[in-house]
Every structure is written in structure tokens, then in C-alpha cells.
PDB file of N, CA and C in Angstrom:
ATOM      1  N   MET A   1       1.411   5.218 -17.763  1.00  0.00           N
ATOM      2  CA  MET A   1       1.974   3.872 -16.852  1.00  0.00           C
ATOM      3  C   MET A   1       1.183   2.917 -17.821  1.00  0.00           C
ATOM      4  N   SER A   2       1.595   1.804 -17.549  1.00  0.00           N
ATOM      5  CA  SER A   2       1.534   0.609 -17.865  1.00  0.00           C
ATOM      6  C   SER A   2       0.380   0.055 -17.228  1.00  0.00           C
ATOM      7  N   LYS A   3      -0.727  -0.508 -17.727  1.00  0.00           N
ATOM      8  CA  LYS A   3      -1.734  -1.259 -17.168  1.00  0.00           C
ATOM      9  C   LYS A   3      -1.416  -2.551 -16.730  1.00  0.00           C
ATOM     10  N   SER A   4      -2.040  -2.823 -15.290  1.00  0.00           N
ATOM     11  CA  SER A   4      -1.841  -4.653 -14.681  1.00  0.00           C
ATOM     12  C   SER A   4      -2.001  -5.361 -15.561  1.00  0.00           C
ATOM     13  N   ARG A   5      -1.760  -6.382 -15.351  1.00  0.00           N
ATOM     14  CA  ARG A   5      -2.559  -7.671 -15.854  1.00  0.00           C
ATOM     15  C   ARG A   5      -3.958  -7.645 -15.274  1.00  0.00           C
ATOM     16  N   ALA A   6      -4.011  -7.614 -14.479  1.00  0.00           N
ATOM     17  CA  ALA A   6      -5.447  -7.828 -14.171  1.00  0.00           C
ATOM     18  C   ALA A   6      -6.525  -6.736 -15.096  1.00  0.00           C
ATOM     19  N   LYS A   7      -5.941  -5.424 -14.893  1.00  0.00           N
ATOM     20  CA  LYS A   7      -7.233  -4.906 -15.682  1.00  0.00           C
ATOM     21  C   LYS A   7      -6.992  -5.055 -17.019  1.00  0.00           C
ATOM     22  N   LYS A   8      -5.832  -6.010 -17.431  1.00  0.00           N
ATOM     23  CA  LYS A   8      -5.961  -5.833 -19.027  1.00  0.00           C
ATOM     24  C   LYS A   8      -6.479  -7.556 -19.441  1.00  0.00           C
ATOM     25  N   LEU A   9      -6.674  -8.194 -18.506  1.00  0.00           N
ATOM     26  CA  LEU A   9      -7.818  -9.032 -18.503  1.00  0.00           C
ATOM     27  C   LEU A   9      -9.126  -8.677 -18.305  1.00  0.00           C
ATOM     28  N   ARG A  10      -9.487  -8.160 -17.283  1.00  0.00           N
ATOM     29  CA  ARG A  10     -10.805  -7.656 -17.494  1.00  0.00           C
ATOM     30  C   ARG A  10     -11.592  -6.895 -18.974  1.00  0.00           C
ATOM     31  N   GLU A  11     -10.518  -6.131 -19.125  1.00  0.00           N
ATOM     32  CA  GLU A  11     -10.648  -5.393 -20.560  1.00  0.00           C
ATOM     33  C   GLU A  11     -10.813  -6.358 -21.861  1.00  0.00           C
ATOM     34  N   LYS A  12     -10.021  -7.349 -21.932  1.00  0.00           N
ATOM     35  CA  LYS A  12     -10.545  -8.519 -22.814  1.00  0.00           C
ATOM     36  C   LYS A  12     -11.649  -9.266 -22.633  1.00  0.00           C
ATOM     37  N   LEU A  13     -12.235  -9.150 -21.285  1.00  0.00           N
ATOM     38  CA  LEU A  13     -13.731 -10.025 -21.385  1.00  0.00           C
ATOM     39  C   LEU A  13     -14.622  -8.981 -21.525  1.00  0.00           C
ATOM     40  N   VAL A  14     -14.196  -8.104 -21.365  1.00  0.00           N
ATOM     41  CA  VAL A  14     -15.565  -6.992 -21.743  1.00  0.00           C
ATOM     42  C   VAL A  14     -15.732  -6.985 -23.305  1.00  0.00           C
ATOM     43  N   ARG A  15     -14.651  -6.902 -24.438  1.00  0.00           N
ATOM     44  CA  ARG A  15     -14.081  -7.135 -25.467  1.00  0.00           C
ATOM     45  C   ARG A  15     -14.793  -8.294 -26.219  1.00  0.00           C
ATOM     46  N   GLU A  16     -14.778  -9.509 -25.364  1.00  0.00           N
ATOM     47  CA  GLU A  16     -14.878 -10.658 -25.474  1.00  0.00           C
ATOM     48  C   GLU A  16     -16.543 -10.772 -25.741  1.00  0.00           C
ATOM     49  N   GLY A  17     -17.523  -9.767 -24.918  1.00  0.00           N
ATOM     50  CA  GLY A  17     -18.655  -9.800 -24.736  1.00  0.00           C
ATOM     51  C   GLY A  17     -19.280 -10.261 -23.205  1.00  0.00           C
ATOM     52  N   ASN A  18     -18.338 -10.505 -22.214  1.00  0.00           N
ATOM     53  CA  ASN A  18     -18.550 -11.206 -21.169  1.00  0.00           C
ATOM     54  C   ASN A  18     -18.992 -10.325 -19.636  1.00  0.00           C
ATOM     55  N   ARG A  19     -18.790 -10.718 -18.682  1.00  0.00           N
ATOM     56  CA  ARG A  19     -19.529  -9.579 -17.896  1.00  0.00           C
ATOM     57  C   ARG A  19     -18.137  -9.004 -17.500  1.00  0.00           C
ATOM     58  N   ASN A  20     -18.217  -7.922 -16.991  1.00  0.00           N
ATOM     59  CA  ASN A  20     -16.823  -6.752 -16.364  1.00  0.00           C
ATOM     60  C   ASN A  20     -17.001  -7.153 -14.909  1.00  0.00           C
ATOM     61  N   PRO A  21     -16.167  -7.632 -14.814  1.00  0.00           N
ATOM     62  CA  PRO A  21     -15.914  -8.351 -13.328  1.00  0.00           C
ATOM     63  C   PRO A  21     -16.209  -6.748 -11.911  1.00  0.00           C
ATOM     64  N   GLU A  22     -15.690  -5.799 -12.783  1.00  0.00           N
ATOM     65  CA  GLU A  22     -15.843  -4.559 -11.801  1.00  0.00           C
ATOM     66  C   GLU A  22     -17.324  -4.151 -11.698  1.00  0.00           C
ATOM     67  N   LEU A  23     -18.020  -4.541 -12.074  1.00  0.00           N
ATOM     68  CA  LEU A  23     -19.440  -4.137 -11.782  1.00  0.00           C
ATOM     69  C   LEU A  23     -20.102  -5.084 -10.707  1.00  0.00           C
ATOM     70  N   SER A  24     -19.476  -6.159 -10.326  1.00  0.00           N
ATOM     71  CA  SER A  24     -19.743  -7.380  -9.318  1.00  0.00           C
ATOM     72  C   SER A  24     -19.099  -6.836  -7.983  1.00  0.00           C
ATOM     73  N   ARG A  25     -18.294  -5.636  -8.005  1.00  0.00           N
ATOM     74  CA  ARG A  25     -17.877  -5.296  -6.528  1.00  0.00           C
ATOM     75  C   ARG A  25     -18.659  -4.423  -5.934  1.00  0.00           C
ATOM     76  N   SER A  26     -18.416  -4.812  -4.728  1.00  0.00           N
ATOM     77  CA  SER A  26     -19.548  -3.984  -3.547  1.00  0.00           C
ATOM     78  C   SER A  26     -19.539  -2.509  -3.627  1.00  0.00           C
ATOM     79  N   PRO A  27     -20.228  -1.608  -3.523  1.00  0.00           N
ATOM     80  CA  PRO A  27     -20.199  -0.327  -3.646  1.00  0.00           C
ATOM     81  C   PRO A  27     -19.907   0.710  -2.449  1.00  0.00           C
ATOM     82  N   PHE A  28     -19.573  -0.447  -1.368  1.00  0.00           N
ATOM     83  CA  PHE A  28     -18.464   0.013  -0.281  1.00  0.00           C
ATOM     84  C   PHE A  28     -17.259  -0.107  -0.402  1.00  0.00           C
ATOM     85  N   SER A  29     -16.468  -0.634  -1.672  1.00  0.00           N
ATOM     86  CA  SER A  29     -15.197  -0.893  -1.689  1.00  0.00           C
ATOM     87  C   SER A  29     -14.393   0.285  -1.827  1.00  0.00           C
ATOM     88  N   MET A  30     -15.356   1.345  -2.762  1.00  0.00           N
ATOM     89  CA  MET A  30     -14.483   2.766  -2.880  1.00  0.00           C
ATOM     90  C   MET A  30     -14.577   3.708  -2.106  1.00  0.00           C
ATOM     91  N   LEU A  31     -15.419   3.112  -0.890  1.00  0.00           N
ATOM     92  CA  LEU A  31     -15.082   4.216   0.176  1.00  0.00           C
ATOM     93  C   LEU A  31     -14.126   4.312   1.406  1.00  0.00           C
ATOM     94  N   ASP A  32     -13.673   5.366   2.154  1.00  0.00           N
ATOM     95  CA  ASP A  32     -12.905   5.334   2.965  1.00  0.00           C
ATOM     96  C   ASP A  32     -13.249   4.928   4.158  1.00  0.00           C
ATOM     97  N   LEU A  33     -13.101   4.228   5.008  1.00  0.00           N
ATOM     98  CA  LEU A  33     -13.624   3.860   6.051  1.00  0.00           C
ATOM     99  C   LEU A  33     -13.475   4.135   7.046  1.00  0.00           C
ATOM    100  N   ASN A  34     -12.309   4.649   7.103  1.00  0.00           N
ATOM    101  CA  ASN A  34     -11.221   5.663   8.272  1.00  0.00           C
ATOM    102  C   ASN A  34     -11.626   6.377   8.540  1.00  0.00           C
ATOM    103  N   THR A  35     -12.105   6.693  10.245  1.00  0.00           N
ATOM    104  CA  THR A  35     -12.394   7.654  10.511  1.00  0.00           C
ATOM    105  C   THR A  35     -11.242   8.733  11.008  1.00  0.00           C
ATOM    106  N   ARG A  36     -11.458   9.912  10.408  1.00  0.00           N
ATOM    107  CA  ARG A  36     -10.045  10.744  10.701  1.00  0.00           C
ATOM    108  C   ARG A  36     -10.429  11.776  11.703  1.00  0.00           C
ATOM    109  N   ARG A  37      -9.917  12.409  12.419  1.00  0.00           N
ATOM    110  CA  ARG A  37      -9.831  13.449  13.262  1.00  0.00           C
ATOM    111  C   ARG A  37      -8.841  14.480  14.097  1.00  0.00           C
ATOM    112  N   THR A  38      -9.164  15.496  13.905  1.00  0.00           N
ATOM    113  CA  THR A  38      -7.632  15.672  14.663  1.00  0.00           C
ATOM    114  C   THR A  38      -7.396  16.368  16.034  1.00  0.00           C
ATOM    115  N   LYS A  39      -5.969  16.461  16.327  1.00  0.00           N
ATOM    116  CA  LYS A  39      -5.981  16.002  17.696  1.00  0.00           C
ATOM    117  C   LYS A  39      -6.202  17.375  18.740  1.00  0.00           C
ATOM    118  N   SER A  40      -6.964  16.894  19.761  1.00  0.00           N
ATOM    119  CA  SER A  40      -7.120  17.868  20.859  1.00  0.00           C
ATOM    120  C   SER A  40      -6.473  18.593  21.491  1.00  0.00           C
ATOM    121  N   LYS A  41      -6.602  19.668  21.959  1.00  0.00           N
ATOM    122  CA  LYS A  41      -5.259  20.479  22.469  1.00  0.00           C
ATOM    123  C   LYS A  41      -4.324  19.845  23.660  1.00  0.00           C
ATOM    124  N   LEU A  42      -5.279  18.676  24.380  1.00  0.00           N
ATOM    125  CA  LEU A  42      -4.666  18.168  25.439  1.00  0.00           C
ATOM    126  C   LEU A  42      -3.830  17.000  24.875  1.00  0.00           C
ATOM    127  N   GLU A  43      -4.428  16.351  23.922  1.00  0.00           N
ATOM    128  CA  GLU A  43      -3.265  15.295  23.274  1.00  0.00           C
ATOM    129  C   GLU A  43      -2.173  16.324  22.361  1.00  0.00           C
ATOM    130  N   LYS A  44      -2.033  17.312  21.928  1.00  0.00           N
ATOM    131  CA  LYS A  44      -0.989  17.762  21.232  1.00  0.00           C
ATOM    132  C   LYS A  44      -0.037  18.082  22.719  1.00  0.00           C
ATOM    133  N   LEU A  45      -0.447  18.434  23.644  1.00  0.00           N
ATOM    134  CA  LEU A  45       0.526  18.914  24.425  1.00  0.00           C
ATOM    135  C   LEU A  45       1.176  17.888  25.023  1.00  0.00           C
ATOM    136  N   ASN A  46       0.198  16.561  25.512  1.00  0.00           N
ATOM    137  CA  ASN A  46       0.815  15.328  25.963  1.00  0.00           C
ATOM    138  C   ASN A  46       2.131  14.787  24.828  1.00  0.00           C
ATOM    139  N   GLN A  47       2.010  15.058  23.494  1.00  0.00           N
ATOM    140  CA  GLN A  47       2.820  14.818  22.388  1.00  0.00           C
ATOM    141  C   GLN A  47       4.204  15.417  22.647  1.00  0.00           C
ATOM    142  N   VAL A  48       3.741  16.951  22.752  1.00  0.00           N
ATOM    143  CA  VAL A  48       5.406  17.758  23.101  1.00  0.00           C
ATOM    144  C   VAL A  48       5.929  17.213  24.582  1.00  0.00           C
ATOM    145  N   LYS A  49       5.049  17.003  25.364  1.00  0.00           N
ATOM    146  CA  LYS A  49       5.589  16.458  26.903  1.00  0.00           C
ATOM    147  C   LYS A  49       6.265  15.326  26.826  1.00  0.00           C
ATOM    148  N   HIS A  50       5.698  14.549  26.199  1.00  0.00           N
ATOM    149  CA  HIS A  50       6.870  13.401  25.829  1.00  0.00           C
ATOM    150  C   HIS A  50       7.598  12.736  25.044  1.00  0.00           C
ATOM    151  N   LYS A  51       7.927  13.845  24.176  1.00  0.00           N
ATOM    152  CA  LYS A  51       8.790  13.674  23.209  1.00  0.00           C
ATOM    153  C   LYS A  51       9.634  13.230  22.877  1.00  0.00           C
ATOM    154  N   LYS A  52      10.880  13.758  24.107  1.00  0.00           N
ATOM    155  CA  LYS A  52      12.102  13.806  24.258  1.00  0.00           C
ATOM    156  C   LYS A  52      12.604  12.146  25.722  1.00  0.00           C
ATOM    157  N   GLN A  53      11.413  12.164  25.794  1.00  0.00           N
ATOM    158  CA  GLN A  53      11.602  10.771  26.755  1.00  0.00           C
ATOM    159  C   GLN A  53      11.537   9.803  26.223  1.00  0.00           C
ATOM    160  N   SER A  54      12.730   8.486  26.520  1.00  0.00           N
ATOM    161  CA  SER A  54      12.413   6.997  26.148  1.00  0.00           C
ATOM    162  C   SER A  54      12.208   6.436  27.204  1.00  0.00           C
ATOM    163  N   PHE A  55      10.780   5.278  26.418  1.00  0.00           N
ATOM    164  CA  PHE A  55      10.680   4.899  27.908  1.00  0.00           C
ATOM    165  C   PHE A  55      11.250   3.433  27.601  1.00  0.00           C
ATOM    166  N   GLY A  56      11.253   2.612  28.346  1.00  0.00           N
ATOM    167  CA  GLY A  56      12.032   1.285  28.596  1.00  0.00           C
ATOM    168  C   GLY A  56      13.509   0.912  27.838  1.00  0.00           C
ATOM    169  N   ASN A  57      14.042   2.192  27.789  1.00  0.00           N
ATOM    170  CA  ASN A  57      15.599   1.916  27.596  1.00  0.00           C
ATOM    171  C   ASN A  57      16.165   2.295  28.437  1.00  0.00           C
ATOM    172  N   ASP A  58      16.910   0.972  29.188  1.00  0.00           N
ATOM    173  CA  ASP A  58      17.516   0.814  30.939  1.00  0.00           C
ATOM    174  C   ASP A  58      19.152   0.912  30.186  1.00  0.00           C
ATOM    175  N   ASP A  59      19.431   1.320  28.860  1.00  0.00           N
ATOM    176  CA  ASP A  59      20.658   1.494  28.690  1.00  0.00           C
ATOM    177  C   ASP A  59      21.760   2.342  29.366  1.00  0.00           C
ATOM    178  N   PHE A  60      22.991   2.304  29.155  1.00  0.00           N
ATOM    179  CA  PHE A  60      23.955   2.830  30.322  1.00  0.00           C
ATOM    180  C   PHE A  60      24.375   4.416  29.934  1.00  0.00           C
ATOM    181  N   GLN A  61      23.866   4.794  28.388  1.00  0.00           N
ATOM    182  CA  GLN A  61      24.024   5.956  28.435  1.00  0.00           C
ATOM    183  C   GLN A  61      22.817   6.834  28.237  1.00  0.00           C
ATOM    184  N   THR A  62      21.945   6.352  28.929  1.00  0.00           N
ATOM    185  CA  THR A  62      20.550   7.153  28.638  1.00  0.00           C
ATOM    186  C   THR A  62      20.344   7.373  30.143  1.00  0.00           C
ATOM    187  N   LYS A  63      21.157   6.542  31.096  1.00  0.00           N
ATOM    188  CA  LYS A  63      20.874   7.354  32.679  1.00  0.00           C
ATOM    189  C   LYS A  63      21.917   8.367  32.998  1.00  0.00           C
ATOM    190  N   ASP A  64      21.107   9.208  33.731  1.00  0.00           N
ATOM    191  CA  ASP A  64      21.963  10.483  34.073  1.00  0.00           C
ATOM    192  C   ASP A  64      22.333  10.298  35.382  1.00  0.00           C
ATOM    193  N   CYS A  65      23.564   9.661  34.995  1.00  0.00           N
ATOM    194  CA  CYS A  65      24.395   9.293  36.668  1.00  0.00           C
ATOM    195  C   CYS A  65      25.895   9.627  35.936  1.00  0.00           C
ATOM    196  N   PHE A  66      26.895   9.755  37.330  1.00  0.00           N
ATOM    197  CA  PHE A  66      27.921   9.936  37.383  1.00  0.00           C
ATOM    198  C   PHE A  66      28.701   9.489  38.192  1.00  0.00           C
ATOM    199  N   TYR A  67      29.709   9.314  38.198  1.00  0.00           N
ATOM    200  CA  TYR A  67      31.015   8.529  38.929  1.00  0.00           C
ATOM    201  C   TYR A  67      32.195   9.550  39.201  1.00  0.00           C
ATOM    202  N   LEU A  68      32.346   9.381  40.403  1.00  0.00           N
ATOM    203  CA  LEU A  68      33.567  10.538  41.268  1.00  0.00           C
ATOM    204  C   LEU A  68      34.662   9.420  41.680  1.00  0.00           C
ATOM    205  N   TYR A  69      35.874   9.479  41.335  1.00  0.00           N
ATOM    206  CA  TYR A  69      36.798   8.502  41.694  1.00  0.00           C
ATOM    207  C   TYR A  69      37.958   9.369  42.226  1.00  0.00           C
ATOM    208  N   PHE A  70      38.660   9.066  43.354  1.00  0.00           N
ATOM    209  CA  PHE A  70      39.087   9.889  44.496  1.00  0.00           C
ATOM    210  C   PHE A  70      40.362   9.224  44.742  1.00  0.00           C
TER     211      PHE A  70
END
């Protein structure tokens, strides 16, 4: 893979004897702060329960109705 322009510039600054900007980064920049959790049994059941429903769509095709002509 090729190097990005910013990485090339950082390496050039280090070669020339200047301070590496990577050292100025916060230690929290490398952490993943997103909290992940698995779904509970109730959440899984609700997801399956509402899977086929369409909310907010009042289209003609989605309504369950029929007409009888005599």
C-alpha cells in the first residue's frame, strides 16, 4: 500500500530532526470508546416480531383490502 501524504510529511519532519507529531497525540486517540453488548433475549424476540411490519407506509399496495364488484 502507498503511504499517505500526511505520513510522508511526518516521516520527513522526523528525518530532518524535528519533533514527531505522533508523540503529541492524546493517549485516548487509539482507544475504541464505543460500548458494545450483545442483545438480550427480549430484544432478539422483538426484532423478529417486527421484522415484516412496515411502519409509516400507507401505500395502496401495503394495505390488506379488496373490492367486490357486482
